[in-house]
Amino acid sequence: MLKLKTHKGARKRFSFTGTGKIKRSKAGGAHILTKKSAKRKRFLKHSTILVKEEFKKIKVMLPYS
């Protein structure tokens, strides 16, 4: 059987926690930061857990994680 290839874009954007959940970073914190409040920018720094509806898609892209 052929080996499955890891999706390189997904590998850079997602990581797994110790309990098997998928961690992602929040969108919107890279540019046009002058109009965003300090509180909003502060919360954009933190990562968050992926919702369960998207979990299956990402798991297919990262088969050996």
Protein backbone atom coordinates (compact mmCIF):
# COMPACT_ATOMS: atom_id res chain seq x y z
CA MET A 1 0.00 0.00 0.00
CA LEU A 2 1.21 3.49 -0.83
CA LYS A 3 2.27 5.93 1.85
CA LEU A 4 -0.04 8.89 2.38
CA LYS A 5 1.49 12.30 1.83
CA THR A 6 1.29 14.99 4.49
CA HIS A 7 -0.33 18.23 3.31
CA LYS A 8 2.54 20.72 3.69
CA GLY A 9 0.27 23.74 4.20
CA ALA A 10 -1.64 21.96 6.96
CA ARG A 11 1.59 20.83 8.61
CA LYS A 12 2.70 24.46 8.94
CA ARG A 13 -0.65 25.71 10.27
CA PHE A 14 -1.82 23.02 12.67
CA SER A 15 -0.28 21.09 15.55
CA PHE A 16 -1.54 18.47 17.95
CA THR A 17 -1.90 18.83 21.69
CA GLY A 18 -0.92 16.11 24.12
CA THR A 19 -4.53 14.91 24.37
CA GLY A 20 -4.93 14.64 20.58
CA LYS A 21 -6.81 17.85 19.88
CA ILE A 22 -5.72 20.09 16.99
CA LYS A 23 -4.35 23.54 17.76
CA ARG A 24 -4.54 26.44 15.32
CA SER A 25 -3.62 30.11 15.31
CA LYS A 26 -6.20 32.84 14.90
CA ALA A 27 -6.60 34.75 11.66
CA GLY A 28 -6.20 38.50 11.27
CA GLY A 29 -3.13 39.24 13.36
CA ALA A 30 -0.59 39.66 10.58
CA HIS A 31 -1.26 43.07 9.01
CA ILE A 32 -3.48 46.18 9.14
CA LEU A 33 -2.96 46.30 12.89
CA THR A 34 -3.33 50.07 13.34
CA LYS A 35 -7.13 50.02 13.29
CA LYS A 36 -7.39 47.05 15.69
CA SER A 37 -7.60 47.67 19.41
CA ALA A 38 -4.87 46.51 21.78
CA LYS A 39 -7.26 44.02 23.37
CA ARG A 40 -8.17 42.52 20.01
CA LYS A 41 -4.50 42.20 18.98
CA ARG A 42 -3.65 40.62 22.32
CA PHE A 43 -6.30 37.94 21.91
CA LEU A 44 -5.23 37.27 18.31
CA LYS A 45 -1.77 36.21 19.58
CA HIS A 46 -3.14 33.18 21.41
CA SER A 47 -3.79 29.87 19.71
CA THR A 48 -7.09 28.02 19.98
CA ILE A 49 -8.47 24.50 19.58
CA LEU A 50 -9.99 23.49 16.25
CA VAL A 51 -13.74 22.85 16.26
CA LYS A 52 -14.83 19.19 16.00
CA GLU A 53 -16.56 19.71 12.62
CA GLU A 54 -13.19 20.52 11.00
CA PHE A 55 -11.21 17.86 12.87
CA LYS A 56 -11.83 15.07 10.34
CA LYS A 57 -10.62 17.15 7.37
CA ILE A 58 -7.36 18.14 9.04
CA LYS A 59 -6.77 14.59 10.32
CA VAL A 60 -6.84 13.37 6.69
CA MET A 61 -4.27 16.02 5.71
CA LEU A 62 -1.96 15.03 8.60
CA PRO A 63 -2.07 11.20 8.52
CA TYR A 64 1.04 10.47 10.64
CA SER A 65 0.51 12.95 13.45
